[in-house]
Amino acid sequence: MTKLVKYTIRGLKNGECDVRDYVTYGNTNSTNTSRYYLYVWLIQGGESPVIVDTGVREIEPLNRVIAKSVPEGIKQKPEERTRQLLKSVNVDPGDVSHVIVTHLHQDHYECYDLFENAQLVVNRKGFLENLLGIKRNVMKALATKWPDSLHLAKDEEEILPGIRVFWVGGHSICSQAVAIETSKGTAIITGDVVFKYRNIEENIPIGLAYNTEQCMAAMERIRREADIILPGHDPEILERHPNGIIG
């Protein structure tokens, strides 16, 4: 019988920005803003570290694209860059076995090439549609270990004992949530189908959605299955979980 692993999750702040409310909440047209944090999630407790979402690599090009909805752009301190974050918690990127991405928006996957021995886990839905837009550095990293470098996940799949993914859609066609078993119960990293605690606690779908019905269904499932919910960009995560540590 396989022993169930109980993992520890660590949310590492990768940057911050102020985002228009009409992006965050689907029930308003307000241009007011609220603070977002970008996160890299470090999962420890198994044979090797696992990363969920890699953080942003090229901030200035991204800021030009999101200037309307994120008027002041993403700000990132040198110590918040992905490589420095991992160094600060004594993790060698070469030791990471899997990089699970919640979806293929660049602040969630474009540092994959740091993890030279890790398999990239993405949902198979929408992968081909996103293929031409994937960053060159990521494609080059995938090519060096092809085909073992890429795992196209099913809509429901256990990636490692105690770590599973399930498709949620809503924000993007390839969006998947990640459920991790910890000593405090099941923690679910929602990705951007839920931006903030207010979305899921007040049942307000995100504004930046391609399918609102899928967002609502995802929130219902996450509430039902999670003991701990970790939204995509809420600074409050670090208040509810001091030092970003869960489990």
Protein backbone atom coordinates (compact mmCIF):
# COMPACT_ATOMS: atom_id res chain seq x y z
CA MET A 1 0.00 0.00 0.00
CA THR A 2 1.35 3.44 -0.97
CA LYS A 3 1.84 5.73 2.01
CA LEU A 4 -0.04 9.00 1.57
CA VAL A 5 2.38 11.90 1.51
CA LYS A 6 1.51 15.00 3.53
CA TYR A 7 3.03 18.01 1.83
CA THR A 8 4.01 21.49 2.93
CA ILE A 9 3.14 24.37 0.62
CA ARG A 10 5.01 27.65 0.59
CA GLY A 11 3.70 30.71 -1.24
CA LEU A 12 6.61 32.84 -2.46
CA LYS A 13 5.82 36.42 -3.46
CA ASN A 14 7.05 37.06 -7.00
CA GLY A 15 5.92 40.67 -7.41
CA GLU A 16 2.90 42.92 -7.01
CA CYS A 17 0.60 45.22 -8.95
CA ASP A 18 -2.69 47.12 -8.75
CA VAL A 19 -5.43 45.76 -11.00
CA ARG A 20 -8.69 47.37 -12.13
CA ASP A 21 -11.73 46.04 -10.28
CA TYR A 22 -13.57 45.19 -13.51
CA VAL A 23 -10.86 42.58 -14.11
CA THR A 24 -11.14 41.10 -10.64
CA TYR A 25 -14.92 41.10 -10.21
CA GLY A 26 -17.44 40.25 -12.89
CA ASN A 27 -20.20 42.27 -11.18
CA THR A 28 -18.70 45.73 -11.64
CA ASN A 29 -17.40 48.16 -14.26
CA SER A 30 -15.35 50.05 -11.70
CA THR A 31 -11.90 51.27 -12.72
CA ASN A 32 -10.76 51.41 -9.10
CA THR A 33 -7.84 49.13 -8.34
CA SER A 34 -6.85 46.59 -5.71
CA ARG A 35 -3.51 45.02 -4.90
CA TYR A 36 -2.43 41.71 -6.42
CA TYR A 37 0.56 39.56 -5.49
CA LEU A 38 2.19 37.20 -7.95
CA TYR A 39 3.11 33.82 -6.48
CA VAL A 40 5.43 30.89 -7.02
CA TRP A 41 4.22 27.86 -5.07
CA LEU A 42 6.81 25.49 -3.60
CA ILE A 43 5.57 22.02 -2.63
CA GLN A 44 7.82 19.98 -0.34
CA GLY A 45 7.53 16.70 1.51
CA GLY A 46 7.86 14.21 -1.32
CA GLU A 47 10.98 12.75 -2.89
CA SER A 48 11.69 15.99 -4.75
CA PRO A 49 10.41 19.57 -4.61
CA VAL A 50 7.50 20.47 -6.90
CA ILE A 51 6.67 23.92 -8.24
CA VAL A 52 3.20 25.20 -9.09
CA ASP A 53 3.47 28.25 -11.37
CA THR A 54 6.94 29.59 -12.07
CA GLY A 55 6.48 33.35 -11.83
CA VAL A 56 7.13 36.08 -14.35
CA ARG A 57 10.40 36.42 -16.28
CA GLU A 58 10.02 39.41 -18.63
CA ILE A 59 8.12 42.12 -16.80
CA GLU A 60 8.40 45.08 -19.16
CA PRO A 61 6.89 43.36 -22.24
CA LEU A 62 4.07 42.05 -20.06
CA ASN A 63 3.46 45.49 -18.58
CA ARG A 64 3.00 46.95 -22.05
CA VAL A 65 0.31 44.36 -22.80
CA ILE A 66 -1.61 44.86 -19.54
CA ALA A 67 -1.20 48.65 -19.27
CA LYS A 68 -4.92 49.40 -19.51
CA SER A 69 -6.00 47.08 -16.72
CA VAL A 70 -2.82 47.32 -14.62
CA PRO A 71 -2.00 51.03 -15.00
CA GLU A 72 1.13 51.12 -12.82
CA GLY A 73 2.42 47.77 -14.04
CA ILE A 74 3.95 44.87 -12.17
CA LYS A 75 6.71 45.77 -9.73
CA GLN A 76 9.28 43.20 -8.67
CA LYS A 77 12.17 43.52 -6.24
CA PRO A 78 15.40 41.72 -7.19
CA GLU A 79 14.91 39.24 -4.35
CA GLU A 80 11.42 38.40 -5.69
CA ARG A 81 12.70 36.95 -8.94
CA THR A 82 12.13 33.22 -9.16
CA ARG A 83 15.74 32.08 -8.93
CA GLN A 84 16.38 34.32 -5.91
CA LEU A 85 13.17 33.16 -4.21
CA LEU A 86 14.25 29.54 -4.44
CA LYS A 87 17.74 30.37 -3.22
CA SER A 88 16.23 32.10 -0.18
CA VAL A 89 14.54 28.83 0.86
CA ASN A 90 17.53 26.64 -0.03
CA VAL A 91 15.96 24.96 -3.05
CA ASP A 92 18.08 24.13 -6.10
CA PRO A 93 15.95 24.46 -9.27
CA GLY A 94 17.75 21.38 -10.62
CA ASP A 95 16.23 19.27 -7.84
CA VAL A 96 12.63 20.10 -8.84
CA SER A 97 10.93 17.10 -10.48
CA HIS A 98 7.67 18.67 -11.72
CA VAL A 99 6.51 22.16 -12.66
CA ILE A 100 2.72 22.26 -12.70
CA VAL A 101 1.22 25.33 -14.34
CA THR A 102 -2.32 26.41 -13.63
CA HIS A 103 -2.57 27.97 -17.10
CA LEU A 104 -0.45 29.30 -19.93
CA HIS A 105 -0.35 33.00 -19.14
CA GLN A 106 3.23 34.13 -18.97
CA ASP A 107 3.39 35.11 -15.30
CA HIS A 108 2.54 31.49 -14.52
CA TYR A 109 4.92 29.52 -16.75
CA GLU A 110 7.69 31.54 -18.40
CA CYS A 111 10.44 30.69 -15.89
CA TYR A 112 10.12 26.98 -16.64
CA ASP A 113 13.59 26.91 -18.18
CA LEU A 114 15.13 27.43 -14.72
CA PHE A 115 14.08 23.89 -13.83
CA GLU A 116 16.38 21.83 -16.00
CA ASN A 117 15.23 18.43 -14.73
CA ALA A 118 11.53 19.11 -14.27
CA GLN A 119 8.62 17.87 -16.32
CA LEU A 120 6.15 20.59 -17.32
CA VAL A 121 2.56 19.64 -16.47
CA VAL A 122 -0.15 21.54 -18.36
CA ASN A 123 -3.75 20.70 -19.10
CA ARG A 124 -4.22 19.22 -22.53
CA LYS A 125 -7.26 21.41 -23.26
CA GLY A 126 -6.19 24.38 -25.32
CA PHE A 127 -2.52 23.40 -25.43
CA LEU A 128 -2.30 23.35 -29.22
CA GLU A 129 -4.13 26.69 -29.41
CA ASN A 130 -1.54 28.19 -27.06
CA LEU A 131 1.46 26.48 -28.64
CA LEU A 132 2.51 29.27 -31.00
CA GLY A 133 2.37 31.79 -28.18
CA ILE A 134 4.60 29.90 -25.77
CA LYS A 135 7.80 31.76 -24.97
CA ARG A 136 10.90 30.78 -26.95
CA ASN A 137 12.97 30.06 -23.84
CA VAL A 138 10.31 27.61 -22.64
CA MET A 139 10.07 25.88 -26.01
CA LYS A 140 13.86 25.52 -26.10
CA ALA A 141 13.85 24.00 -22.59
CA LEU A 142 11.12 21.56 -23.58
CA ALA A 143 13.04 20.55 -26.72
CA THR A 144 16.18 19.60 -24.80
CA LYS A 145 14.35 16.83 -22.93
CA TRP A 146 11.63 15.98 -25.45
CA PRO A 147 9.29 14.08 -25.13
CA ASP A 148 9.77 13.46 -21.40
CA SER A 149 9.77 17.20 -20.69
CA LEU A 150 6.02 17.64 -21.22
CA HIS A 151 3.01 16.03 -19.58
CA LEU A 152 -0.40 16.91 -20.98
CA ALA A 153 -2.67 16.33 -18.03
CA LYS A 154 -6.12 14.84 -18.25
CA ASP A 155 -9.07 16.77 -16.85
CA GLU A 156 -8.76 14.69 -13.65
CA GLU A 157 -5.35 13.24 -12.87
CA GLU A 158 -3.05 12.43 -9.98
CA ILE A 159 0.39 13.73 -10.88
CA LEU A 160 2.14 12.41 -7.76
CA PRO A 161 0.77 10.66 -4.68
CA GLY A 162 -1.26 13.34 -2.89
CA ILE A 163 -1.01 15.90 -5.71
CA ARG A 164 -3.74 15.99 -8.33
CA VAL A 165 -4.98 18.40 -10.96
CA PHE A 166 -8.47 19.03 -12.27
CA TRP A 167 -9.65 21.16 -15.16
CA VAL A 168 -11.61 24.30 -14.29
CA GLY A 169 -11.59 26.44 -17.44
CA GLY A 170 -13.32 29.76 -16.94
CA HIS A 171 -10.31 32.08 -17.03
CA SER A 172 -8.61 30.31 -19.93
CA ILE A 173 -9.38 27.10 -21.74
CA CYS A 174 -6.30 25.40 -20.26
CA SER A 175 -6.91 26.48 -16.64
CA GLN A 176 -6.50 23.74 -14.05
CA ALA A 177 -6.54 23.75 -10.25
CA VAL A 178 -4.05 21.82 -8.14
CA ALA A 179 -5.10 19.89 -5.03
CA ILE A 180 -2.38 19.03 -2.50
CA GLU A 181 -2.77 16.87 0.60
CA THR A 182 -1.29 18.52 3.70
CA SER A 183 -1.39 17.81 7.41
CA LYS A 184 -4.15 20.42 7.65
CA GLY A 185 -6.29 18.88 4.91
CA THR A 186 -6.67 19.39 1.18
CA ALA A 187 -5.27 22.67 -0.09
CA ILE A 188 -6.34 23.82 -3.54
CA ILE A 189 -4.30 26.28 -5.58
CA THR A 190 -7.01 27.77 -7.77
CA GLY A 191 -4.97 29.53 -10.42
CA ASP A 192 -6.71 32.54 -11.95
CA VAL A 193 -10.21 31.07 -12.04
CA VAL A 194 -10.29 32.71 -8.59
CA PHE A 195 -8.23 35.89 -8.20
CA LYS A 196 -9.10 36.76 -4.60
CA TYR A 197 -10.80 35.39 -1.51
CA ARG A 198 -13.71 37.75 -2.11
CA ASN A 199 -14.45 36.00 -5.42
CA ILE A 200 -15.00 32.63 -3.82
CA GLU A 201 -16.34 33.75 -0.44
CA GLU A 202 -18.97 36.05 -1.97
CA ASN A 203 -19.51 33.91 -5.09
CA ILE A 204 -18.42 36.68 -7.48
CA PRO A 205 -16.90 35.35 -10.71
CA ILE A 206 -13.77 36.98 -12.03
CA GLY A 207 -14.18 39.73 -14.60
CA LEU A 208 -11.43 38.40 -16.85
CA ALA A 209 -13.25 35.24 -17.88
CA TYR A 210 -13.96 33.59 -21.20
CA ASN A 211 -16.73 31.49 -19.62
CA THR A 212 -18.49 32.73 -16.48
CA GLU A 213 -20.50 29.54 -16.02
CA GLN A 214 -17.28 27.55 -15.80
CA CYS A 215 -15.96 30.02 -13.20
CA MET A 216 -19.07 29.52 -11.07
CA ALA A 217 -18.87 25.73 -11.37
CA ALA A 218 -15.16 25.81 -10.48
CA MET A 219 -15.79 27.88 -7.36
CA GLU A 220 -18.55 25.52 -6.26
CA ARG A 221 -16.27 22.52 -6.63
CA ILE A 222 -13.33 24.19 -4.91
CA ARG A 223 -15.47 25.18 -1.92
CA ARG A 224 -16.76 21.61 -1.70
CA GLU A 225 -13.40 19.87 -1.89
CA ALA A 226 -10.92 22.25 -0.24
CA ASP A 227 -10.03 22.60 3.41
CA ILE A 228 -7.65 25.40 2.43
CA ILE A 229 -8.17 27.68 -0.59
CA LEU A 230 -5.26 29.52 -2.18
CA PRO A 231 -6.52 32.05 -4.76
CA GLY A 232 -4.34 33.10 -7.64
CA HIS A 233 -3.29 36.60 -6.56
CA ASP A 234 -4.59 37.57 -3.13
CA PRO A 235 -2.09 39.29 -0.78
CA GLU A 236 -4.24 38.08 2.11
CA ILE A 237 -2.77 34.60 1.65
CA LEU A 238 0.32 35.78 3.51
CA GLU A 239 -1.84 37.11 6.34
CA ARG A 240 -3.94 33.96 6.71
CA HIS A 241 -0.83 31.80 6.42
CA PRO A 242 2.18 33.52 8.06
CA ASN A 243 5.31 33.34 5.89
CA GLY A 244 3.11 31.76 3.23
CA ILE A 245 3.51 28.31 4.78
CA ILE A 246 0.62 25.83 4.67
CA GLY A 247 0.74 22.36 6.19
